[in-house]
Amino acid sequence: MINSALATATQEPVDPPIQIKWVKLDKYCELSGDTKQAVYFRRKTRVWKEGVHLRKDPQNRLWVNLEEVENWLLQSTNTSCQKGSQYAHL
């Protein structure tokens, strides 16, 4: 028991995980299971806002802000449940 406590105390500290805020559209779809068409639809209908939820880089590639998408998801989930949405029971 003493040996394992000593080994734990002498190990080098582990770096915290890197927090990535923006990912390319392909990576977002891979991580979330969402489709590109769904993202384009949210962008077109202004559900997701340019510069907040997504943006294009100088090479015209679309990037998605993971933090803001999570905020949107939590907000829309809370709102739909509070309003008694027809989908709240699903």
C-alpha atoms as a PDB file:
ATOM      1  CA  MET A   1       0.000   0.000   0.000  1.00  0.00           C
ATOM      2  CA  ILE A   2       2.817   2.424   0.853  1.00  0.00           C
ATOM      3  CA  ASN A   3       4.616   1.645  -2.391  1.00  0.00           C
ATOM      4  CA  SER A   4       1.540   2.481  -4.519  1.00  0.00           C
ATOM      5  CA  ALA A   5       0.999   5.749  -2.619  1.00  0.00           C
ATOM      6  CA  LEU A   6       4.648   6.673  -3.117  1.00  0.00           C
ATOM      7  CA  ALA A   7       4.470   5.814  -6.821  1.00  0.00           C
ATOM      8  CA  THR A   8       1.359   7.972  -7.225  1.00  0.00           C
ATOM      9  CA  ALA A   9       2.951  10.899  -5.399  1.00  0.00           C
ATOM     10  CA  THR A  10       6.096  10.828  -7.549  1.00  0.00           C
ATOM     11  CA  GLN A  11       4.386  10.627 -10.926  1.00  0.00           C
ATOM     12  CA  GLU A  12       4.562  13.716 -13.081  1.00  0.00           C
ATOM     13  CA  PRO A  13       1.348  15.735 -13.256  1.00  0.00           C
ATOM     14  CA  VAL A  14      -0.946  14.971 -16.159  1.00  0.00           C
ATOM     15  CA  ASP A  15      -1.847  17.867 -18.427  1.00  0.00           C
ATOM     16  CA  PRO A  16      -5.552  18.675 -18.498  1.00  0.00           C
ATOM     17  CA  PRO A  17      -7.369  17.779 -21.724  1.00  0.00           C
ATOM     18  CA  ILE A  18      -7.279  20.396 -24.456  1.00  0.00           C
ATOM     19  CA  GLN A  19     -10.554  22.265 -24.860  1.00  0.00           C
ATOM     20  CA  ILE A  20     -11.250  22.723 -28.564  1.00  0.00           C
ATOM     21  CA  LYS A  21     -13.837  25.363 -29.320  1.00  0.00           C
ATOM     22  CA  TRP A  22     -13.988  25.294 -33.138  1.00  0.00           C
ATOM     23  CA  VAL A  23     -13.936  22.220 -35.403  1.00  0.00           C
ATOM     24  CA  LYS A  24     -14.344  21.812 -39.150  1.00  0.00           C
ATOM     25  CA  LEU A  25     -17.763  20.730 -40.357  1.00  0.00           C
ATOM     26  CA  ASP A  26     -16.648  17.177 -41.199  1.00  0.00           C
ATOM     27  CA  LYS A  27     -15.242  16.669 -37.689  1.00  0.00           C
ATOM     28  CA  TYR A  28     -18.395  18.122 -36.111  1.00  0.00           C
ATOM     29  CA  CYS A  29     -20.536  15.670 -38.090  1.00  0.00           C
ATOM     30  CA  GLU A  30     -18.262  12.796 -37.108  1.00  0.00           C
ATOM     31  CA  LEU A  31     -18.414  13.724 -33.410  1.00  0.00           C
ATOM     32  CA  SER A  32     -22.116  14.548 -33.206  1.00  0.00           C
ATOM     33  CA  GLY A  33     -23.700  12.208 -35.719  1.00  0.00           C
ATOM     34  CA  ASP A  34     -25.351  15.249 -37.269  1.00  0.00           C
ATOM     35  CA  THR A  35     -25.462  15.604 -41.057  1.00  0.00           C
ATOM     36  CA  LYS A  36     -24.015  18.382 -43.181  1.00  0.00           C
ATOM     37  CA  GLN A  37     -27.505  18.979 -44.579  1.00  0.00           C
ATOM     38  CA  ALA A  38     -28.864  19.590 -41.067  1.00  0.00           C
ATOM     39  CA  VAL A  39     -26.085  22.096 -40.364  1.00  0.00           C
ATOM     40  CA  TYR A  40     -26.686  23.866 -43.700  1.00  0.00           C
ATOM     41  CA  PHE A  41     -30.409  24.001 -42.940  1.00  0.00           C
ATOM     42  CA  ARG A  42     -29.841  25.548 -39.492  1.00  0.00           C
ATOM     43  CA  ARG A  43     -27.504  28.065 -41.096  1.00  0.00           C
ATOM     44  CA  LYS A  44     -29.906  28.895 -43.937  1.00  0.00           C
ATOM     45  CA  THR A  45     -32.870  29.340 -41.580  1.00  0.00           C
ATOM     46  CA  ARG A  46     -30.689  31.341 -39.179  1.00  0.00           C
ATOM     47  CA  VAL A  47     -31.252  28.955 -36.293  1.00  0.00           C
ATOM     48  CA  TRP A  48     -27.458  28.968 -36.046  1.00  0.00           C
ATOM     49  CA  LYS A  49     -25.861  32.393 -36.474  1.00  0.00           C
ATOM     50  CA  GLU A  50     -22.749  33.201 -38.491  1.00  0.00           C
ATOM     51  CA  GLY A  51     -19.907  34.163 -36.173  1.00  0.00           C
ATOM     52  CA  VAL A  52     -21.583  32.533 -33.180  1.00  0.00           C
ATOM     53  CA  HIS A  53     -22.404  28.914 -34.019  1.00  0.00           C
ATOM     54  CA  LEU A  54     -20.406  28.699 -37.229  1.00  0.00           C
ATOM     55  CA  ARG A  55     -18.093  30.637 -39.508  1.00  0.00           C
ATOM     56  CA  LYS A  56     -16.060  30.277 -42.670  1.00  0.00           C
ATOM     57  CA  ASP A  57     -12.282  30.489 -42.745  1.00  0.00           C
ATOM     58  CA  PRO A  58     -10.256  32.242 -45.487  1.00  0.00           C
ATOM     59  CA  GLN A  59     -10.276  29.005 -47.532  1.00  0.00           C
ATOM     60  CA  ASN A  60     -14.104  29.022 -47.402  1.00  0.00           C
ATOM     61  CA  ARG A  61     -14.306  25.979 -45.076  1.00  0.00           C
ATOM     62  CA  LEU A  62     -17.120  25.907 -42.542  1.00  0.00           C
ATOM     63  CA  TRP A  63     -16.189  25.639 -38.837  1.00  0.00           C
ATOM     64  CA  VAL A  64     -18.590  24.857 -35.979  1.00  0.00           C
ATOM     65  CA  ASN A  65     -18.327  26.302 -32.454  1.00  0.00           C
ATOM     66  CA  LEU A  66     -18.860  23.351 -30.109  1.00  0.00           C
ATOM     67  CA  GLU A  67     -19.526  25.525 -27.045  1.00  0.00           C
ATOM     68  CA  GLU A  68     -22.237  27.566 -28.742  1.00  0.00           C
ATOM     69  CA  VAL A  69     -23.860  24.510 -30.302  1.00  0.00           C
ATOM     70  CA  GLU A  70     -24.015  22.908 -26.856  1.00  0.00           C
ATOM     71  CA  ASN A  71     -25.549  26.115 -25.428  1.00  0.00           C
ATOM     72  CA  TRP A  72     -28.098  26.147 -28.255  1.00  0.00           C
ATOM     73  CA  LEU A  73     -28.964  22.502 -27.642  1.00  0.00           C
ATOM     74  CA  LEU A  74     -29.440  23.008 -23.910  1.00  0.00           C
ATOM     75  CA  GLN A  75     -31.484  26.163 -24.453  1.00  0.00           C
ATOM     76  CA  SER A  76     -33.716  24.616 -27.118  1.00  0.00           C
ATOM     77  CA  THR A  77     -34.208  21.455 -25.032  1.00  0.00           C
ATOM     78  CA  ASN A  78     -35.247  23.470 -21.966  1.00  0.00           C
ATOM     79  CA  THR A  79     -37.506  25.727 -24.018  1.00  0.00           C
ATOM     80  CA  SER A  80     -39.303  22.905 -25.833  1.00  0.00           C
ATOM     81  CA  CYS A  81     -39.943  21.004 -22.600  1.00  0.00           C
ATOM     82  CA  GLN A  82     -41.216  24.107 -20.824  1.00  0.00           C
ATOM     83  CA  LYS A  83     -43.603  24.991 -23.644  1.00  0.00           C
ATOM     84  CA  GLY A  84     -45.142  21.521 -23.611  1.00  0.00           C
ATOM     85  CA  SER A  85     -43.884  20.770 -27.089  1.00  0.00           C
ATOM     86  CA  GLN A  86     -45.512  17.927 -28.986  1.00  0.00           C
ATOM     87  CA  TYR A  87     -42.060  16.274 -28.910  1.00  0.00           C
ATOM     88  CA  ALA A  88     -41.397  16.731 -25.174  1.00  0.00           C
ATOM     89  CA  HIS A  89     -42.515  13.185 -24.409  1.00  0.00           C
ATOM     90  CA  LEU A  90     -40.038  11.599 -26.839  1.00  0.00           C
END
